[in-house]
């Protein structure tokens, strides 16, 4: 019975994976997940509960649906840039009328909305890319599983890398000699797009993922707490970065000074130890010399006492001889 249940469960999951190909909406995917969870829980009484096998399957499908929106945004961005380059026109790449009044637009006050910077309205291709990106993240509101976080951030890294490649390729092509049409305008736009990608798009998309996952982040992407523009914030970030580099170099110099100081103290300690050792050796030599002197004096005293004894013996013998002669 157990073997039969295992085989039937594996067959059901294989069929479920195949049917995933016809699902392109996370709302429908959520309904399928609810039905599968109910089905698996109903098999608990016969030992066939397979709920633990469902999350990995559905997490992959969720990421596939989300990145589907992102990939369509990439295709639109790439085709727009390429078409504009071929025609030599910058009309579709920049909207100057929006830029003049973007700062006057009313800000949203809803805490559940992540605010994108108004500067993106001046660059329609980047604006459409941003819309596609957030359309994908909005899908997560209907079905968000715990294991999605790692997969989502990995997909975001790939997505940002692809955007950067497209912008680099566009800039390389418009810088090629012989570009027809508004060559200078296209080159200026290419540089602006890359700057906006680094200063706005990349941090916005990273915070968007955190916001979609429920983390508490700063929602004012276009301005900071003091109402500064993204360019000013970027300049301050560069300044802060340079200050951090200077502090890092200063700390490195301090570390070198500390190391030299430690080495100096170590050398002093070694010299001190050597001096103490040499002092001990001198004391030992002095003690040894005093010992030799004392031995020599004792030897002389012994020799002197021996001579006195000999003299006494000779004197006694002389007195004895005198006494015999008188007799």
C-alpha atoms as a PDB file:
ATOM      1  CA  UNK A   1       0.000   0.000   0.000  1.00  0.00           C
ATOM      2  CA  UNK A   2       2.831   2.391   0.917  1.00  0.00           C
ATOM      3  CA  UNK A   3       4.687   1.691  -2.335  1.00  0.00           C
ATOM      4  CA  UNK A   4       1.526   2.182  -4.366  1.00  0.00           C
ATOM      5  CA  UNK A   5       0.808   5.516  -2.635  1.00  0.00           C
ATOM      6  CA  UNK A   6       4.368   6.715  -3.262  1.00  0.00           C
ATOM      7  CA  UNK A   7       4.131   5.893  -6.956  1.00  0.00           C
ATOM      8  CA  UNK A   8       0.751   7.581  -7.330  1.00  0.00           C
ATOM      9  CA  UNK A   9       2.025  10.709  -5.557  1.00  0.00           C
ATOM     10  CA  UNK A  10       5.116  10.905  -7.782  1.00  0.00           C
ATOM     11  CA  UNK A  11       2.934  10.475 -10.869  1.00  0.00           C
ATOM     12  CA  UNK A  12       0.600  13.236  -9.721  1.00  0.00           C
ATOM     13  CA  UNK A  13       3.487  15.660  -9.095  1.00  0.00           C
ATOM     14  CA  UNK A  14       5.015  14.943 -12.506  1.00  0.00           C
ATOM     15  CA  UNK A  15       1.708  15.669 -14.196  1.00  0.00           C
ATOM     16  CA  UNK A  16       1.363  18.850 -12.121  1.00  0.00           C
ATOM     17  CA  UNK A  17       4.756  20.098 -13.340  1.00  0.00           C
ATOM     18  CA  UNK A  18       3.746  19.536 -16.961  1.00  0.00           C
ATOM     19  CA  UNK A  19       0.487  21.426 -16.513  1.00  0.00           C
ATOM     20  CA  UNK A  20       2.367  24.411 -15.065  1.00  0.00           C
ATOM     21  CA  UNK A  21       3.206  25.444 -18.636  1.00  0.00           C
ATOM     22  CA  UNK A  22      -0.373  26.635 -19.241  1.00  0.00           C
ATOM     23  CA  UNK A  23      -0.409  28.887 -16.155  1.00  0.00           C
ATOM     24  CA  UNK A  24       0.761  32.471 -16.730  1.00  0.00           C
ATOM     25  CA  UNK A  25      -0.967  34.201 -13.844  1.00  0.00           C
ATOM     26  CA  UNK A  26      -0.022  33.932 -10.191  1.00  0.00           C
ATOM     27  CA  UNK A  27      -3.672  34.238  -9.154  1.00  0.00           C
ATOM     28  CA  UNK A  28      -4.438  31.013 -11.002  1.00  0.00           C
ATOM     29  CA  UNK A  29      -1.274  29.457  -9.593  1.00  0.00           C
ATOM     30  CA  UNK A  30      -2.456  30.307  -6.087  1.00  0.00           C
ATOM     31  CA  UNK A  31      -5.756  28.519  -6.713  1.00  0.00           C
ATOM     32  CA  UNK A  32      -3.875  25.438  -7.883  1.00  0.00           C
ATOM     33  CA  UNK A  33      -1.678  25.584  -4.773  1.00  0.00           C
ATOM     34  CA  UNK A  34      -4.713  25.757  -2.483  1.00  0.00           C
ATOM     35  CA  UNK A  35      -6.295  22.767  -4.227  1.00  0.00           C
ATOM     36  CA  UNK A  36      -3.056  20.747  -3.979  1.00  0.00           C
ATOM     37  CA  UNK A  37      -2.641  21.558  -0.276  1.00  0.00           C
ATOM     38  CA  UNK A  38      -6.224  20.463   0.422  1.00  0.00           C
ATOM     39  CA  UNK A  39      -5.691  17.274  -1.589  1.00  0.00           C
ATOM     40  CA  UNK A  40      -2.435  16.475   0.232  1.00  0.00           C
ATOM     41  CA  UNK A  41      -3.936  17.131   3.662  1.00  0.00           C
ATOM     42  CA  UNK A  42      -6.842  14.801   2.878  1.00  0.00           C
ATOM     43  CA  UNK A  43      -4.350  11.957   2.393  1.00  0.00           C
ATOM     44  CA  UNK A  44      -2.928  12.296   5.907  1.00  0.00           C
ATOM     45  CA  UNK A  45      -5.134   9.479   7.209  1.00  0.00           C
ATOM     46  CA  UNK A  46      -3.582   7.028   4.710  1.00  0.00           C
ATOM     47  CA  UNK A  47       0.011   8.288   5.053  1.00  0.00           C
ATOM     48  CA  UNK A  48       0.100  10.120   1.712  1.00  0.00           C
ATOM     49  CA  UNK A  49       0.601  13.739   2.833  1.00  0.00           C
ATOM     50  CA  UNK A  50       2.925  15.395   0.281  1.00  0.00           C
ATOM     51  CA  UNK A  51       2.558  19.049   1.298  1.00  0.00           C
ATOM     52  CA  UNK A  52       6.320  19.388   1.895  1.00  0.00           C
ATOM     53  CA  UNK A  53       6.953  18.622  -1.792  1.00  0.00           C
ATOM     54  CA  UNK A  54       4.782  21.470  -3.087  1.00  0.00           C
ATOM     55  CA  UNK A  55       6.692  24.695  -2.125  1.00  0.00           C
ATOM     56  CA  UNK A  56       9.844  24.060  -4.240  1.00  0.00           C
ATOM     57  CA  UNK A  57       7.713  23.386  -7.327  1.00  0.00           C
ATOM     58  CA  UNK A  58       5.522  26.459  -6.915  1.00  0.00           C
ATOM     59  CA  UNK A  59       8.428  28.750  -5.966  1.00  0.00           C
ATOM     60  CA  UNK A  60      10.127  28.036  -9.294  1.00  0.00           C
ATOM     61  CA  UNK A  61       6.909  28.746 -11.167  1.00  0.00           C
ATOM     62  CA  UNK A  62       6.381  32.000  -9.239  1.00  0.00           C
ATOM     63  CA  UNK A  63       9.851  33.207 -10.219  1.00  0.00           C
ATOM     64  CA  UNK A  64       9.167  32.201 -13.813  1.00  0.00           C
ATOM     65  CA  UNK A  65       6.016  34.337 -13.942  1.00  0.00           C
ATOM     66  CA  UNK A  66       7.707  37.327 -12.260  1.00  0.00           C
ATOM     67  CA  UNK A  67      10.769  37.235 -14.491  1.00  0.00           C
ATOM     68  CA  UNK A  68       8.475  36.874 -17.509  1.00  0.00           C
ATOM     69  CA  UNK A  69       7.359  40.475 -16.923  1.00  0.00           C
ATOM     70  CA  UNK A  70      10.974  41.552 -16.482  1.00  0.00           C
ATOM     71  CA  UNK A  71      12.120  39.870 -19.685  1.00  0.00           C
ATOM     72  CA  UNK A  72       9.362  41.520 -21.690  1.00  0.00           C
ATOM     73  CA  UNK A  73      10.531  44.861 -20.296  1.00  0.00           C
ATOM     74  CA  UNK A  74      14.089  44.039 -21.391  1.00  0.00           C
ATOM     75  CA  UNK A  75      12.941  43.168 -24.897  1.00  0.00           C
ATOM     76  CA  UNK A  76      11.008  46.446 -25.158  1.00  0.00           C
ATOM     77  CA  UNK A  77      14.014  48.458 -23.937  1.00  0.00           C
ATOM     78  CA  UNK A  78      16.398  46.747 -26.346  1.00  0.00           C
ATOM     79  CA  UNK A  79      14.101  47.109 -29.364  1.00  0.00           C
ATOM     80  CA  UNK A  80      13.390  50.797 -28.606  1.00  0.00           C
ATOM     81  CA  UNK A  81      17.074  51.653 -28.298  1.00  0.00           C
ATOM     82  CA  UNK A  82      17.972  49.751 -31.437  1.00  0.00           C
ATOM     83  CA  UNK A  83      15.161  51.295 -33.485  1.00  0.00           C
ATOM     84  CA  UNK A  84      16.092  54.800 -32.353  1.00  0.00           C
ATOM     85  CA  UNK A  85      19.733  54.181 -33.236  1.00  0.00           C
ATOM     86  CA  UNK A  86      18.876  52.902 -36.707  1.00  0.00           C
ATOM     87  CA  UNK A  87      16.650  55.901 -37.425  1.00  0.00           C
ATOM     88  CA  UNK A  88      19.069  58.336 -35.814  1.00  0.00           C
ATOM     89  CA  UNK A  89      16.302  59.935 -33.729  1.00  0.00           C
ATOM     90  CA  UNK A  90      16.202  60.752 -30.009  1.00  0.00           C
ATOM     91  CA  UNK A  91      12.511  61.623 -29.924  1.00  0.00           C
ATOM     92  CA  UNK A  92      11.447  58.276 -28.461  1.00  0.00           C
ATOM     93  CA  UNK A  93      14.256  58.293 -25.907  1.00  0.00           C
ATOM     94  CA  UNK A  94      13.675  61.601 -24.142  1.00  0.00           C
ATOM     95  CA  UNK A  95      10.640  63.640 -23.082  1.00  0.00           C
ATOM     96  CA  UNK A  96      11.816  67.114 -22.127  1.00  0.00           C
ATOM     97  CA  UNK A  97       8.323  68.409 -21.366  1.00  0.00           C
ATOM     98  CA  UNK A  98       7.953  66.017 -18.441  1.00  0.00           C
ATOM     99  CA  UNK A  99      11.290  66.999 -16.948  1.00  0.00           C
ATOM    100  CA  UNK A 100      10.272  70.640 -16.616  1.00  0.00           C
ATOM    101  CA  UNK A 101       7.257  69.902 -14.430  1.00  0.00           C
ATOM    102  CA  UNK A 102       8.212  66.619 -12.760  1.00  0.00           C
ATOM    103  CA  UNK A 103       9.118  68.286  -9.470  1.00  0.00           C
ATOM    104  CA  UNK A 104       5.735  70.010  -9.316  1.00  0.00           C
ATOM    105  CA  UNK A 105       3.730  66.788  -9.441  1.00  0.00           C
ATOM    106  CA  UNK A 106       1.939  65.844  -6.254  1.00  0.00           C
ATOM    107  CA  UNK A 107       3.624  63.231  -4.141  1.00  0.00           C
ATOM    108  CA  UNK A 108       1.819  60.111  -2.989  1.00  0.00           C
ATOM    109  CA  UNK A 109       1.279  59.747   0.735  1.00  0.00           C
ATOM    110  CA  UNK A 110       0.218  56.109   0.821  1.00  0.00           C
ATOM    111  CA  UNK A 111       2.654  54.160   2.984  1.00  0.00           C
ATOM    112  CA  UNK A 112       1.952  50.999   0.959  1.00  0.00           C
ATOM    113  CA  UNK A 113       3.366  52.499  -2.233  1.00  0.00           C
ATOM    114  CA  UNK A 114       7.064  52.559  -3.135  1.00  0.00           C
ATOM    115  CA  UNK A 115       7.698  55.931  -4.758  1.00  0.00           C
ATOM    116  CA  UNK A 116       9.753  55.894  -7.964  1.00  0.00           C
ATOM    117  CA  UNK A 117      11.680  59.062  -8.908  1.00  0.00           C
ATOM    118  CA  UNK A 118       9.900  61.442 -11.308  1.00  0.00           C
ATOM    119  CA  UNK A 119      13.051  61.721 -13.413  1.00  0.00           C
ATOM    120  CA  UNK A 120      12.144  58.432 -15.076  1.00  0.00           C
ATOM    121  CA  UNK A 121       9.231  60.163 -16.792  1.00  0.00           C
ATOM    122  CA  UNK A 122      11.808  62.060 -18.841  1.00  0.00           C
ATOM    123  CA  UNK A 123      13.155  58.781 -20.276  1.00  0.00           C
ATOM    124  CA  UNK A 124      10.182  56.740 -21.622  1.00  0.00           C
ATOM    125  CA  UNK A 125      12.135  53.490 -22.270  1.00  0.00           C
ATOM    126  CA  UNK A 126      13.406  53.454 -18.677  1.00  0.00           C
ATOM    127  CA  UNK A 127       9.909  54.288 -17.432  1.00  0.00           C
ATOM    128  CA  UNK A 128       8.394  51.349 -19.339  1.00  0.00           C
ATOM    129  CA  UNK A 129      11.153  49.079 -18.014  1.00  0.00           C
ATOM    130  CA  UNK A 130      10.342  50.186 -14.474  1.00  0.00           C
ATOM    131  CA  UNK A 131       6.632  49.513 -15.029  1.00  0.00           C
ATOM    132  CA  UNK A 132       7.405  46.013 -16.272  1.00  0.00           C
ATOM    133  CA  UNK A 133       9.632  45.404 -13.270  1.00  0.00           C
ATOM    134  CA  UNK A 134       7.016  46.436 -10.723  1.00  0.00           C
ATOM    135  CA  UNK A 135       4.296  44.564 -12.613  1.00  0.00           C
ATOM    136  CA  UNK A 136       6.280  41.413 -11.947  1.00  0.00           C
ATOM    137  CA  UNK A 137       6.715  42.255  -8.269  1.00  0.00           C
ATOM    138  CA  UNK A 138       3.007  43.009  -7.922  1.00  0.00           C
ATOM    139  CA  UNK A 139       2.323  39.379  -8.813  1.00  0.00           C
ATOM    140  CA  UNK A 140       3.968  38.363  -5.540  1.00  0.00           C
ATOM    141  CA  UNK A 141       1.166  39.958  -3.519  1.00  0.00           C
ATOM    142  CA  UNK A 142      -1.159  37.098  -4.448  1.00  0.00           C
ATOM    143  CA  UNK A 143       1.229  34.241  -3.738  1.00  0.00           C
ATOM    144  CA  UNK A 144       4.447  34.746  -1.789  1.00  0.00           C
ATOM    145  CA  UNK A 145       6.248  31.694  -0.446  1.00  0.00           C
ATOM    146  CA  UNK A 146       9.202  31.843   1.998  1.00  0.00           C
ATOM    147  CA  UNK A 147      11.678  30.190  -0.349  1.00  0.00           C
ATOM    148  CA  UNK A 148      11.121  32.790  -3.072  1.00  0.00           C
ATOM    149  CA  UNK A 149      13.507  35.350  -1.548  1.00  0.00           C
ATOM    150  CA  UNK A 150      16.784  33.704  -2.550  1.00  0.00           C
ATOM    151  CA  UNK A 151      15.559  32.875  -6.056  1.00  0.00           C
ATOM    152  CA  UNK A 152      14.139  36.369  -6.530  1.00  0.00           C
ATOM    153  CA  UNK A 153      17.330  38.158  -5.539  1.00  0.00           C
ATOM    154  CA  UNK A 154      19.379  35.890  -7.771  1.00  0.00           C
ATOM    155  CA  UNK A 155      17.034  36.669 -10.681  1.00  0.00           C
ATOM    156  CA  UNK A 156      17.299  40.392  -9.910  1.00  0.00           C
ATOM    157  CA  UNK A 157      21.085  40.233 -10.169  1.00  0.00           C
ATOM    158  CA  UNK A 158      20.796  38.609 -13.599  1.00  0.00           C
ATOM    159  CA  UNK A 159      18.166  41.160 -14.629  1.00  0.00           C
ATOM    160  CA  UNK A 160      20.345  44.148 -13.656  1.00  0.00           C
ATOM    161  CA  UNK A 161      23.318  42.610 -15.445  1.00  0.00           C
ATOM    162  CA  UNK A 162      21.257  42.233 -18.637  1.00  0.00           C
ATOM    163  CA  UNK A 163      20.087  45.874 -18.434  1.00  0.00           C
ATOM    164  CA  UNK A 164      23.647  47.084 -18.051  1.00  0.00           C
ATOM    165  CA  UNK A 165      24.770  45.010 -21.038  1.00  0.00           C
ATOM    166  CA  UNK A 166      22.001  46.470 -23.215  1.00  0.00           C
ATOM    167  CA  UNK A 167      22.924  50.049 -22.236  1.00  0.00           C
ATOM    168  CA  UNK A 168      26.634  49.393 -22.775  1.00  0.00           C
ATOM    169  CA  UNK A 169      25.972  47.905 -26.203  1.00  0.00           C
ATOM    170  CA  UNK A 170      23.766  50.856 -27.156  1.00  0.00           C
ATOM    171  CA  UNK A 171      26.460  53.339 -26.088  1.00  0.00           C
ATOM    172  CA  UNK A 172      29.152  51.426 -27.954  1.00  0.00           C
ATOM    173  CA  UNK A 173      27.116  51.467 -31.172  1.00  0.00           C
ATOM    174  CA  UNK A 174      26.244  55.187 -31.068  1.00  0.00           C
ATOM    175  CA  UNK A 175      29.900  56.058 -30.385  1.00  0.00           C
ATOM    176  CA  UNK A 176      30.954  54.237 -33.538  1.00  0.00           C
ATOM    177  CA  UNK A 177      32.020  56.696 -36.256  1.00  0.00           C
ATOM    178  CA  UNK A 178      29.470  57.062 -39.040  1.00  0.00           C
ATOM    179  CA  UNK A 179      26.370  57.103 -36.860  1.00  0.00           C
ATOM    180  CA  UNK A 180      23.642  58.726 -38.922  1.00  0.00           C
ATOM    181  CA  UNK A 181      21.019  61.208 -37.806  1.00  0.00           C
ATOM    182  CA  UNK A 182      21.281  62.929 -34.444  1.00  0.00           C
ATOM    183  CA  UNK A 183      24.566  61.322 -33.493  1.00  0.00           C
ATOM    184  CA  UNK A 184      25.464  63.801 -30.756  1.00  0.00           C
ATOM    185  CA  UNK A 185      22.011  63.555 -29.208  1.00  0.00           C
ATOM    186  CA  UNK A 186      22.145  59.758 -29.217  1.00  0.00           C
ATOM    187  CA  UNK A 187      25.556  59.781 -27.581  1.00  0.00           C
ATOM    188  CA  UNK A 188      24.347  62.172 -24.921  1.00  0.00           C
ATOM    189  CA  UNK A 189      21.275  60.003 -24.268  1.00  0.00           C
ATOM    190  CA  UNK A 190      23.428  56.876 -24.030  1.00  0.00           C
ATOM    191  CA  UNK A 191      25.573  58.506 -21.328  1.00  0.00           C
ATOM    192  CA  UNK A 192      22.482  59.791 -19.489  1.00  0.00           C
ATOM    193  CA  UNK A 193      20.852  56.361 -19.549  1.00  0.00           C
ATOM    194  CA  UNK A 194      23.909  54.740 -18.007  1.00  0.00           C
ATOM    195  CA  UNK A 195      24.088  57.428 -15.327  1.00  0.00           C
ATOM    196  CA  UNK A 196      20.398  57.031 -14.477  1.00  0.00           C
ATOM    197  CA  UNK A 197      20.836  53.274 -14.351  1.00  0.00           C
ATOM    198  CA  UNK A 198      23.592  53.549 -11.735  1.00  0.00           C
ATOM    199  CA  UNK A 199      22.017  56.397  -9.751  1.00  0.00           C
ATOM    200  CA  UNK A 200      18.294  55.510  -9.937  1.00  0.00           C
ATOM    201  CA  UNK A 201      17.355  52.206 -11.575  1.00  0.00           C
ATOM    202  CA  UNK A 202      19.735  49.915  -9.710  1.00  0.00           C
ATOM    203  CA  UNK A 203      18.981  51.149  -6.146  1.00  0.00           C
ATOM    204  CA  UNK A 204      15.270  51.442  -6.973  1.00  0.00           C
ATOM    205  CA  UNK A 205      15.018  47.849  -8.179  1.00  0.00           C
ATOM    206  CA  UNK A 206      16.968  46.498  -5.209  1.00  0.00           C
ATOM    207  CA  UNK A 207      14.718  48.317  -2.767  1.00  0.00           C
ATOM    208  CA  UNK A 208      11.685  47.193  -4.759  1.00  0.00           C
ATOM    209  CA  UNK A 209      12.517  43.549  -4.055  1.00  0.00           C
ATOM    210  CA  UNK A 210      12.932  44.243  -0.341  1.00  0.00           C
ATOM    211  CA  UNK A 211       9.651  46.158  -0.305  1.00  0.00           C
ATOM    212  CA  UNK A 212       7.851  43.297  -2.070  1.00  0.00           C
ATOM    213  CA  UNK A 213       9.253  40.839   0.489  1.00  0.00           C
ATOM    214  CA  UNK A 214       7.900  42.942   3.351  1.00  0.00           C
ATOM    215  CA  UNK A 215      11.080  44.628   4.582  1.00  0.00           C
ATOM    216  CA  UNK A 216      10.903  48.149   5.985  1.00  0.00           C
ATOM    217  CA  UNK A 217      12.742  50.499   3.607  1.00  0.00           C
ATOM    218  CA  UNK A 218      12.900  54.176   2.690  1.00  0.00           C
ATOM    219  CA  UNK A 219      10.119  54.746   0.158  1.00  0.00           C
ATOM    220  CA  UNK A 220      11.258  58.171  -1.071  1.00  0.00           C
ATOM    221  CA  UNK A 221      13.406  57.063  -3.965  1.00  0.00           C
ATOM    222  CA  UNK A 222      13.352  60.329  -5.896  1.00  0.00           C
ATOM    223  CA  UNK A 223      14.196  62.531  -2.920  1.00  0.00           C
ATOM    224  CA  UNK A 224      15.663  62.103   0.489  1.00  0.00           C
ATOM    225  CA  UNK A 225      14.309  63.451   3.771  1.00  0.00           C
ATOM    226  CA  UNK A 226      15.453  66.980   2.911  1.00  0.00           C
ATOM    227  CA  UNK A 227      13.828  67.009  -0.533  1.00  0.00           C
ATOM    228  CA  UNK A 228      17.070  66.591  -2.465  1.00  0.00           C
ATOM    229  CA  UNK A 229      17.032  65.312  -6.030  1.00  0.00           C
ATOM    230  CA  UNK A 230      18.500  61.995  -7.073  1.00  0.00           C
ATOM    231  CA  UNK A 231      21.476  63.740  -8.675  1.00  0.00           C
ATOM    232  CA  UNK A 232      22.258  65.577  -5.430  1.00  0.00           C
ATOM    233  CA  UNK A 233      21.902  62.360  -3.477  1.00  0.00           C
ATOM    234  CA  UNK A 234      24.216  60.661  -5.958  1.00  0.00           C
ATOM    235  CA  UNK A 235      26.803  63.447  -5.577  1.00  0.00           C
ATOM    236  CA  UNK A 236      26.596  63.123  -1.796  1.00  0.00           C
ATOM    237  CA  UNK A 237      26.995  59.370  -2.122  1.00  0.00           C
ATOM    238  CA  UNK A 238      30.121  59.859  -4.232  1.00  0.00           C
ATOM    239  CA  UNK A 239      31.447  62.360  -1.690  1.00  0.00           C
ATOM    240  CA  UNK A 240      30.701  59.960   1.149  1.00  0.00           C
ATOM    241  CA  UNK A 241      32.375  57.178  -0.786  1.00  0.00           C
ATOM    242  CA  UNK A 242      35.522  59.280  -1.281  1.00  0.00           C
ATOM    243  CA  UNK A 243      35.499  60.183   2.420  1.00  0.00           C
ATOM    244  CA  UNK A 244      35.182  56.506   3.292  1.00  0.00           C
ATOM    245  CA  UNK A 245      38.124  55.770   0.993  1.00  0.00           C
ATOM    246  CA  UNK A 246      40.175  58.511   2.691  1.00  0.00           C
ATOM    247  CA  UNK A 247      39.191  57.163   6.105  1.00  0.00           C
ATOM    248  CA  UNK A 248      40.127  53.693   4.938  1.00  0.00           C
ATOM    249  CA  UNK A 249      43.531  54.933   3.767  1.00  0.00           C
ATOM    250  CA  UNK A 250      43.980  56.831   7.045  1.00  0.00           C
ATOM    251  CA  UNK A 251      43.066  53.765   9.040  1.00  0.00           C
ATOM    252  CA  UNK A 252      45.514  51.746   6.945  1.00  0.00           C
ATOM    253  CA  UNK A 253      48.246  54.280   7.712  1.00  0.00           C
ATOM    254  CA  UNK A 254      47.340  54.120  11.395  1.00  0.00           C
ATOM    255  CA  UNK A 255      47.542  50.352  11.245  1.00  0.00           C
ATOM    256  CA  UNK A 256      50.984  50.593   9.652  1.00  0.00           C
ATOM    257  CA  UNK A 257      52.112  53.063  12.346  1.00  0.00           C
ATOM    258  CA  UNK A 258      50.730  50.751  15.036  1.00  0.00           C
ATOM    259  CA  UNK A 259      52.552  47.809  13.472  1.00  0.00           C
ATOM    260  CA  UNK A 260      55.805  49.796  13.345  1.00  0.00           C
ATOM    261  CA  UNK A 261      55.229  50.891  16.950  1.00  0.00           C
ATOM    262  CA  UNK A 262      54.574  47.308  18.003  1.00  0.00           C
ATOM    263  CA  UNK A 263      57.702  46.177  16.190  1.00  0.00           C
ATOM    264  CA  UNK A 264      59.689  48.965  17.909  1.00  0.00           C
ATOM    265  CA  UNK A 265      58.368  47.920  21.301  1.00  0.00           C
ATOM    266  CA  UNK A 266      59.172  44.318  20.498  1.00  0.00           C
ATOM    267  CA  UNK A 267      62.723  45.270  19.512  1.00  0.00           C
ATOM    268  CA  UNK A 268      63.070  47.310  22.722  1.00  0.00           C
ATOM    269  CA  UNK A 269      61.876  44.339  24.738  1.00  0.00           C
ATOM    270  CA  UNK A 270      64.369  42.084  22.959  1.00  0.00           C
ATOM    271  CA  UNK A 271      67.204  44.565  23.554  1.00  0.00           C
ATOM    272  CA  UNK A 272      66.176  44.816  27.199  1.00  0.00           C
ATOM    273  CA  UNK A 273      66.165  41.044  27.504  1.00  0.00           C
ATOM    274  CA  UNK A 274      69.598  40.881  25.913  1.00  0.00           C
ATOM    275  CA  UNK A 275      70.890  43.555  28.287  1.00  0.00           C
ATOM    276  CA  UNK A 276      69.478  41.685  31.276  1.00  0.00           C
ATOM    277  CA  UNK A 277      71.017  38.472  29.988  1.00  0.00           C
ATOM    278  CA  UNK A 278      74.378  40.137  29.478  1.00  0.00           C
ATOM    279  CA  UNK A 279      74.124  41.616  33.006  1.00  0.00           C
ATOM    280  CA  UNK A 280      73.424  38.191  34.411  1.00  0.00           C
ATOM    281  CA  UNK A 281      76.415  36.813  32.496  1.00  0.00           C
ATOM    282  CA  UNK A 282      78.627  39.579  33.915  1.00  0.00           C
ATOM    283  CA  UNK A 283      77.426  38.807  37.441  1.00  0.00           C
ATOM    284  CA  UNK A 284      78.157  35.137  36.867  1.00  0.00           C
ATOM    285  CA  UNK A 285      81.638  35.998  35.581  1.00  0.00           C
ATOM    286  CA  UNK A 286      82.269  38.242  38.592  1.00  0.00           C
ATOM    287  CA  UNK A 287      81.132  35.502  40.957  1.00  0.00           C
ATOM    288  CA  UNK A 288      83.310  33.046  39.104  1.00  0.00           C
ATOM    289  CA  UNK A 289      86.338  35.381  39.314  1.00  0.00           C
ATOM    290  CA  UNK A 290      85.745  35.937  43.036  1.00  0.00           C
ATOM    291  CA  UNK A 291      85.509  32.190  43.467  1.00  0.00           C
ATOM    292  CA  UNK A 292      88.826  31.739  41.661  1.00  0.00           C
ATOM    293  CA  UNK A 293      90.426  34.437  43.835  1.00  0.00           C
ATOM    294  CA  UNK A 294      89.112  32.795  46.999  1.00  0.00           C
ATOM    295  CA  UNK A 295      90.428  29.426  45.826  1.00  0.00           C
ATOM    296  CA  UNK A 296      93.832  30.966  45.122  1.00  0.00           C
ATOM    297  CA  UNK A 297      93.920  32.611  48.567  1.00  0.00           C
ATOM    298  CA  UNK A 298      92.931  29.381  50.253  1.00  0.00           C
ATOM    299  CA  UNK A 299      95.633  27.574  48.324  1.00  0.00           C
ATOM    300  CA  UNK A 300      98.229  30.149  49.383  1.00  0.00           C
ATOM    301  CA  UNK A 301      97.106  29.895  53.009  1.00  0.00           C
ATOM    302  CA  UNK A 302      97.405  26.103  52.846  1.00  0.00           C
ATOM    303  CA  UNK A 303     100.905  26.353  51.351  1.00  0.00           C
ATOM    304  CA  UNK A 304     101.901  28.915  53.983  1.00  0.00           C
ATOM    305  CA  UNK A 305     100.621  26.742  56.827  1.00  0.00           C
ATOM    306  CA  UNK A 306     102.526  23.808  55.354  1.00  0.00           C
ATOM    307  CA  UNK A 307     105.738  25.850  55.315  1.00  0.00           C
ATOM    308  CA  UNK A 308     105.176  26.904  58.959  1.00  0.00           C
ATOM    309  CA  UNK A 309     104.751  23.302  59.961  1.00  0.00           C
ATOM    310  CA  UNK A 310     107.974  22.382  58.191  1.00  0.00           C
ATOM    311  CA  UNK A 311     109.828  25.216  59.965  1.00  0.00           C
ATOM    312  CA  UNK A 312     108.443  24.091  63.337  1.00  0.00           C
ATOM    313  CA  UNK A 313     109.559  20.541  62.653  1.00  0.00           C
ATOM    314  CA  UNK A 314     113.047  21.690  61.674  1.00  0.00           C
ATOM    315  CA  UNK A 315     113.213  23.879  64.774  1.00  0.00           C
ATOM    316  CA  UNK A 316     112.125  20.993  66.975  1.00  0.00           C
ATOM    317  CA  UNK A 317     114.730  18.741  65.435  1.00  0.00           C
ATOM    318  CA  UNK A 318     117.391  21.428  65.948  1.00  0.00           C
ATOM    319  CA  UNK A 319     116.478  21.785  69.607  1.00  0.00           C
ATOM    320  CA  UNK A 320     116.630  18.036  70.006  1.00  0.00           C
ATOM    321  CA  UNK A 321     120.073  17.906  68.423  1.00  0.00           C
ATOM    322  CA  UNK A 322     121.286  20.654  70.770  1.00  0.00           C
ATOM    323  CA  UNK A 323     120.006  18.767  73.774  1.00  0.00           C
ATOM    324  CA  UNK A 324     121.778  15.577  72.654  1.00  0.00           C
ATOM    325  CA  UNK A 325     125.025  17.529  72.181  1.00  0.00           C
ATOM    326  CA  UNK A 326     124.906  18.941  75.704  1.00  0.00           C
ATOM    327  CA  UNK A 327     124.399  15.467  77.114  1.00  0.00           C
END
